Amino acid sequence: MSTKALIAILLICGVAACDGGKTEAAGKPKTGCTAGQADCLPDVKYVDTTGKAYTLDQLKGKVVLVNFWATWCHPCQKEIPDLSKLADKYKKDVLVLGVLTDSPSDNELLNFQSDFAMSYPVVRASSDILTAFHYPQALPTTYMFDKGGHQVGQPHLGAIRLDDYDQQIAGLVAQK
């Protein structure tokens, strides 16, 4: 499915962000994930717009937030400063991956990232990524994974707020 087709489906389905879907509190980390295991960080090719690749091996031991967004999405724009603050505050232990679902040119995206002071990597959505995450039905949608690669709670639908996630992420970072 093309990115344009996905955008059309999202518009038809109602992209308006909802406030539900907050993730649950973090418990003790589970043992590591194995490739293809349900509720684990999907083993797909995450390559950011600078060409840097992120493999599951590189992400082991990090808390990972996978955030699906688009440049035209106002709730997505609203959450960027808080996601950047989380990425900056926990840069050693947390990786925020912004999965871009629309198709601005490279220059348009660079300008957007500059205008919104994005401090985390952006990965353009691919069919592998969209399939692995079951084509998120709303934007923004954020998945959180603990250091072992296990999904924490349900995907968060709607804009992330720093105040809502700072304590939870701190707890996940503190886990051994």
C-alpha atoms as a PDB file:
ATOM      1  CA  MET A   1       0.000   0.000   0.000  1.00  0.00           C
ATOM      2  CA  SER A   2       1.384   3.392  -0.918  1.00  0.00           C
ATOM      3  CA  THR A   3       1.839   6.198   1.578  1.00  0.00           C
ATOM      4  CA  LYS A   4      -0.785   8.231  -0.282  1.00  0.00           C
ATOM      5  CA  ALA A   5      -3.276   5.365   0.017  1.00  0.00           C
ATOM      6  CA  LEU A   6      -2.538   5.095   3.742  1.00  0.00           C
ATOM      7  CA  ILE A   7      -3.118   8.822   4.172  1.00  0.00           C
ATOM      8  CA  ALA A   8      -6.429   8.554   2.338  1.00  0.00           C
ATOM      9  CA  ILE A   9      -7.502   5.668   4.568  1.00  0.00           C
ATOM     10  CA  LEU A  10      -6.487   7.574   7.679  1.00  0.00           C
ATOM     11  CA  LEU A  11      -8.455  10.609   6.552  1.00  0.00           C
ATOM     12  CA  ILE A  12     -11.527   8.487   5.844  1.00  0.00           C
ATOM     13  CA  CYS A  13     -11.204   6.627   9.161  1.00  0.00           C
ATOM     14  CA  GLY A  14     -10.847   9.857  11.117  1.00  0.00           C
ATOM     15  CA  VAL A  15      -7.356  10.950  11.941  1.00  0.00           C
ATOM     16  CA  ALA A  16      -8.424  13.200  14.771  1.00  0.00           C
ATOM     17  CA  ALA A  17      -6.354  12.356  17.789  1.00  0.00           C
ATOM     18  CA  CYS A  18      -8.059  10.841  20.747  1.00  0.00           C
ATOM     19  CA  ASP A  19      -7.049  11.139  24.361  1.00  0.00           C
ATOM     20  CA  GLY A  20      -7.424   7.468  25.235  1.00  0.00           C
ATOM     21  CA  GLY A  21      -4.854   4.724  24.939  1.00  0.00           C
ATOM     22  CA  LYS A  22      -2.457   5.818  27.640  1.00  0.00           C
ATOM     23  CA  THR A  23       0.042   3.122  28.374  1.00  0.00           C
ATOM     24  CA  GLU A  24       0.090   1.179  31.581  1.00  0.00           C
ATOM     25  CA  ALA A  25       2.675   1.649  34.307  1.00  0.00           C
ATOM     26  CA  ALA A  26       5.894  -0.211  33.741  1.00  0.00           C
ATOM     27  CA  GLY A  27       6.459  -3.407  35.667  1.00  0.00           C
ATOM     28  CA  LYS A  28       9.600  -5.494  35.856  1.00  0.00           C
ATOM     29  CA  PRO A  29      11.215  -6.048  32.490  1.00  0.00           C
ATOM     30  CA  LYS A  30      10.532  -9.379  30.820  1.00  0.00           C
ATOM     31  CA  THR A  31      13.215 -11.508  29.290  1.00  0.00           C
ATOM     32  CA  GLY A  32      14.384 -10.421  25.858  1.00  0.00           C
ATOM     33  CA  CYS A  33      12.229 -10.719  22.781  1.00  0.00           C
ATOM     34  CA  THR A  34      12.861 -13.146  20.000  1.00  0.00           C
ATOM     35  CA  ALA A  35      12.382 -12.233  16.349  1.00  0.00           C
ATOM     36  CA  GLY A  36       8.732 -12.226  15.345  1.00  0.00           C
ATOM     37  CA  GLN A  37       7.411 -12.537  18.907  1.00  0.00           C
ATOM     38  CA  ALA A  38       4.086 -10.753  19.469  1.00  0.00           C
ATOM     39  CA  ASP A  39       4.176  -7.469  21.408  1.00  0.00           C
ATOM     40  CA  CYS A  40       7.885  -7.002  20.745  1.00  0.00           C
ATOM     41  CA  LEU A  41       9.669  -4.285  18.813  1.00  0.00           C
ATOM     42  CA  PRO A  42       9.294  -5.425  15.206  1.00  0.00           C
ATOM     43  CA  ASP A  43      12.459  -6.530  13.449  1.00  0.00           C
ATOM     44  CA  VAL A  44      12.205  -4.270  10.417  1.00  0.00           C
ATOM     45  CA  LYS A  45      14.604  -1.912   8.708  1.00  0.00           C
ATOM     46  CA  TYR A  46      14.606   1.422  10.572  1.00  0.00           C
ATOM     47  CA  VAL A  47      16.713   3.845   8.520  1.00  0.00           C
ATOM     48  CA  ASP A  48      16.444   7.532   9.330  1.00  0.00           C
ATOM     49  CA  THR A  49      16.477  10.355   6.820  1.00  0.00           C
ATOM     50  CA  THR A  50      20.234  10.832   7.311  1.00  0.00           C
ATOM     51  CA  GLY A  51      20.867   7.201   6.303  1.00  0.00           C
ATOM     52  CA  LYS A  52      21.568   5.913   9.816  1.00  0.00           C
ATOM     53  CA  ALA A  53      20.194   2.400  10.387  1.00  0.00           C
ATOM     54  CA  TYR A  54      18.830   1.183  13.715  1.00  0.00           C
ATOM     55  CA  THR A  55      18.895  -2.586  14.213  1.00  0.00           C
ATOM     56  CA  LEU A  56      17.308  -4.563  17.029  1.00  0.00           C
ATOM     57  CA  ASP A  57      20.777  -5.408  18.337  1.00  0.00           C
ATOM     58  CA  GLN A  58      21.608  -1.676  18.554  1.00  0.00           C
ATOM     59  CA  LEU A  59      18.312  -0.981  20.333  1.00  0.00           C
ATOM     60  CA  LYS A  60      18.719  -3.683  22.993  1.00  0.00           C
ATOM     61  CA  GLY A  61      19.019  -2.106  26.409  1.00  0.00           C
ATOM     62  CA  LYS A  62      17.220   1.079  25.304  1.00  0.00           C
ATOM     63  CA  VAL A  63      13.672   2.214  25.872  1.00  0.00           C
ATOM     64  CA  VAL A  64      12.239   2.831  22.389  1.00  0.00           C
ATOM     65  CA  LEU A  65       9.302   5.047  21.447  1.00  0.00           C
ATOM     66  CA  VAL A  66       8.025   4.553  17.901  1.00  0.00           C
ATOM     67  CA  ASN A  67       5.889   7.558  16.996  1.00  0.00           C
ATOM     68  CA  PHE A  68       3.780   7.561  13.812  1.00  0.00           C
ATOM     69  CA  TRP A  69       3.136  11.102  12.596  1.00  0.00           C
ATOM     70  CA  ALA A  70       2.719  13.368   9.576  1.00  0.00           C
ATOM     71  CA  THR A  71       3.819  16.927   8.851  1.00  0.00           C
ATOM     72  CA  TRP A  72       0.206  18.079   8.224  1.00  0.00           C
ATOM     73  CA  CYS A  73      -1.090  16.594  11.510  1.00  0.00           C
ATOM     74  CA  HIS A  74      -1.666  19.352  14.088  1.00  0.00           C
ATOM     75  CA  PRO A  75      -1.665  17.039  17.152  1.00  0.00           C
ATOM     76  CA  CYS A  76       1.604  15.600  15.802  1.00  0.00           C
ATOM     77  CA  GLN A  77       3.075  19.094  15.574  1.00  0.00           C
ATOM     78  CA  LYS A  78       1.874  19.816  19.107  1.00  0.00           C
ATOM     79  CA  GLU A  79       3.703  16.809  20.597  1.00  0.00           C
ATOM     80  CA  ILE A  80       7.064  17.353  18.852  1.00  0.00           C
ATOM     81  CA  PRO A  81       8.486  19.678  21.558  1.00  0.00           C
ATOM     82  CA  ASP A  82       7.668  17.159  24.314  1.00  0.00           C
ATOM     83  CA  LEU A  83       9.065  14.228  22.325  1.00  0.00           C
ATOM     84  CA  SER A  84      12.222  16.266  21.700  1.00  0.00           C
ATOM     85  CA  LYS A  85      12.516  17.021  25.436  1.00  0.00           C
ATOM     86  CA  LEU A  86      12.162  13.305  26.248  1.00  0.00           C
ATOM     87  CA  ALA A  87      14.734  12.403  23.590  1.00  0.00           C
ATOM     88  CA  ASP A  88      17.176  15.017  24.897  1.00  0.00           C
ATOM     89  CA  LYS A  89      16.658  14.227  28.578  1.00  0.00           C
ATOM     90  CA  TYR A  90      17.141  10.476  28.171  1.00  0.00           C
ATOM     91  CA  LYS A  91      19.340  10.400  25.061  1.00  0.00           C
ATOM     92  CA  LYS A  92      21.670   7.768  26.529  1.00  0.00           C
ATOM     93  CA  ASP A  93      18.872   5.334  27.411  1.00  0.00           C
ATOM     94  CA  VAL A  94      15.887   6.208  25.198  1.00  0.00           C
ATOM     95  CA  LEU A  95      15.448   6.376  21.446  1.00  0.00           C
ATOM     96  CA  VAL A  96      12.490   8.178  19.943  1.00  0.00           C
ATOM     97  CA  LEU A  97      11.916   7.151  16.332  1.00  0.00           C
ATOM     98  CA  GLY A  98       9.512   9.383  14.445  1.00  0.00           C
ATOM     99  CA  VAL A  99       7.926   7.349  11.647  1.00  0.00           C
ATOM    100  CA  LEU A 100       6.805   9.822   8.994  1.00  0.00           C
ATOM    101  CA  THR A 101       3.660   8.726   7.149  1.00  0.00           C
ATOM    102  CA  ASP A 102       3.403  11.513   4.569  1.00  0.00           C
ATOM    103  CA  SER A 103       5.803  12.315   1.739  1.00  0.00           C
ATOM    104  CA  PRO A 104       7.370  15.765   1.942  1.00  0.00           C
ATOM    105  CA  SER A 105      10.491  16.286  -0.143  1.00  0.00           C
ATOM    106  CA  ASP A 106      13.828  16.001   1.639  1.00  0.00           C
ATOM    107  CA  ASN A 107      14.125  19.810   1.720  1.00  0.00           C
ATOM    108  CA  GLU A 108      10.571  20.263   3.018  1.00  0.00           C
ATOM    109  CA  LEU A 109      11.254  17.717   5.766  1.00  0.00           C
ATOM    110  CA  LEU A 110      14.554  19.366   6.698  1.00  0.00           C
ATOM    111  CA  ASN A 111      12.793  22.730   6.977  1.00  0.00           C
ATOM    112  CA  PHE A 112       9.998  21.165   9.038  1.00  0.00           C
ATOM    113  CA  GLN A 113      12.489  19.508  11.410  1.00  0.00           C
ATOM    114  CA  SER A 114      14.300  22.814  11.810  1.00  0.00           C
ATOM    115  CA  ASP A 115      11.107  24.831  12.324  1.00  0.00           C
ATOM    116  CA  PHE A 116       9.909  22.415  15.026  1.00  0.00           C
ATOM    117  CA  ALA A 117      13.375  21.845  16.565  1.00  0.00           C
ATOM    118  CA  MET A 118      13.089  18.059  16.274  1.00  0.00           C
ATOM    119  CA  SER A 119      15.932  16.407  18.129  1.00  0.00           C
ATOM    120  CA  TYR A 120      15.123  12.774  17.337  1.00  0.00           C
ATOM    121  CA  PRO A 121      15.544  10.728  14.159  1.00  0.00           C
ATOM    122  CA  VAL A 122      12.839  10.520  11.512  1.00  0.00           C
ATOM    123  CA  VAL A 123      12.229   7.306   9.586  1.00  0.00           C
ATOM    124  CA  ARG A 124      10.053   7.393   6.482  1.00  0.00           C
ATOM    125  CA  ALA A 125       7.264   4.813   6.735  1.00  0.00           C
ATOM    126  CA  SER A 126       7.787   1.747   4.589  1.00  0.00           C
ATOM    127  CA  SER A 127       5.365  -1.049   3.854  1.00  0.00           C
ATOM    128  CA  ASP A 128       7.414  -3.300   6.182  1.00  0.00           C
ATOM    129  CA  ILE A 129       7.132  -0.847   9.073  1.00  0.00           C
ATOM    130  CA  LEU A 130       3.439  -0.138   8.477  1.00  0.00           C
ATOM    131  CA  THR A 131       2.651  -3.862   8.233  1.00  0.00           C
ATOM    132  CA  ALA A 132       4.671  -4.689  11.359  1.00  0.00           C
ATOM    133  CA  PHE A 133       2.740  -2.075  13.345  1.00  0.00           C
ATOM    134  CA  HIS A 134      -0.628  -3.075  11.792  1.00  0.00           C
ATOM    135  CA  TYR A 135      -1.150   0.240   9.997  1.00  0.00           C
ATOM    136  CA  PRO A 136      -1.852   2.623  12.907  1.00  0.00           C
ATOM    137  CA  GLN A 137      -5.399   3.938  12.587  1.00  0.00           C
ATOM    138  CA  ALA A 138      -4.781   7.447  13.973  1.00  0.00           C
ATOM    139  CA  LEU A 139      -2.064  10.066  14.002  1.00  0.00           C
ATOM    140  CA  PRO A 140      -0.153  10.487  16.133  1.00  0.00           C
ATOM    141  CA  THR A 141       0.193   6.961  17.527  1.00  0.00           C
ATOM    142  CA  THR A 142       3.087   6.050  19.818  1.00  0.00           C
ATOM    143  CA  TYR A 143       4.303   2.596  20.796  1.00  0.00           C
ATOM    144  CA  MET A 144       6.601   2.219  23.808  1.00  0.00           C
ATOM    145  CA  PHE A 145       9.045  -0.667  24.263  1.00  0.00           C
ATOM    146  CA  ASP A 146      11.077  -1.491  27.365  1.00  0.00           C
ATOM    147  CA  LYS A 147      14.799  -2.282  27.387  1.00  0.00           C
ATOM    148  CA  GLY A 148      14.051  -5.913  26.526  1.00  0.00           C
ATOM    149  CA  GLY A 149      12.070  -4.879  23.453  1.00  0.00           C
ATOM    150  CA  HIS A 150       8.643  -5.710  24.930  1.00  0.00           C
ATOM    151  CA  GLN A 151       5.738  -3.377  24.233  1.00  0.00           C
ATOM    152  CA  VAL A 152       4.633  -1.464  27.319  1.00  0.00           C
ATOM    153  CA  GLY A 153       0.858  -1.099  27.506  1.00  0.00           C
ATOM    154  CA  GLN A 154      -1.292  -0.224  24.525  1.00  0.00           C
ATOM    155  CA  PRO A 155      -0.281   2.200  21.787  1.00  0.00           C
ATOM    156  CA  HIS A 156      -0.961   5.804  22.800  1.00  0.00           C
ATOM    157  CA  LEU A 157      -3.363   7.530  20.423  1.00  0.00           C
ATOM    158  CA  GLY A 158      -3.061  11.298  20.356  1.00  0.00           C
ATOM    159  CA  ALA A 159      -0.367  13.759  21.283  1.00  0.00           C
ATOM    160  CA  ILE A 160       2.159  12.727  23.918  1.00  0.00           C
ATOM    161  CA  ARG A 161       2.689  15.140  26.803  1.00  0.00           C
ATOM    162  CA  LEU A 162       5.974  15.213  28.657  1.00  0.00           C
ATOM    163  CA  ASP A 163       4.205  15.334  32.031  1.00  0.00           C
ATOM    164  CA  ASP A 164       2.323  12.121  31.234  1.00  0.00           C
ATOM    165  CA  TYR A 165       5.375  10.115  30.165  1.00  0.00           C
ATOM    166  CA  ASP A 166       8.417  11.461  32.013  1.00  0.00           C
ATOM    167  CA  GLN A 167       7.880   9.380  35.173  1.00  0.00           C
ATOM    168  CA  GLN A 168       7.030   6.203  33.245  1.00  0.00           C
ATOM    169  CA  ILE A 169      10.095   6.524  31.046  1.00  0.00           C
ATOM    170  CA  ALA A 170      12.276   7.228  34.076  1.00  0.00           C
ATOM    171  CA  GLY A 171      10.971   3.985  35.593  1.00  0.00           C
ATOM    172  CA  LEU A 172      11.731   2.016  32.441  1.00  0.00           C
ATOM    173  CA  VAL A 173      15.210   3.540  32.203  1.00  0.00           C
ATOM    174  CA  ALA A 174      15.915   2.577  35.828  1.00  0.00           C
ATOM    175  CA  GLN A 175      15.123  -1.096  35.187  1.00  0.00           C
ATOM    176  CA  LYS A 176      18.081  -3.443  34.991  1.00  0.00           C
END
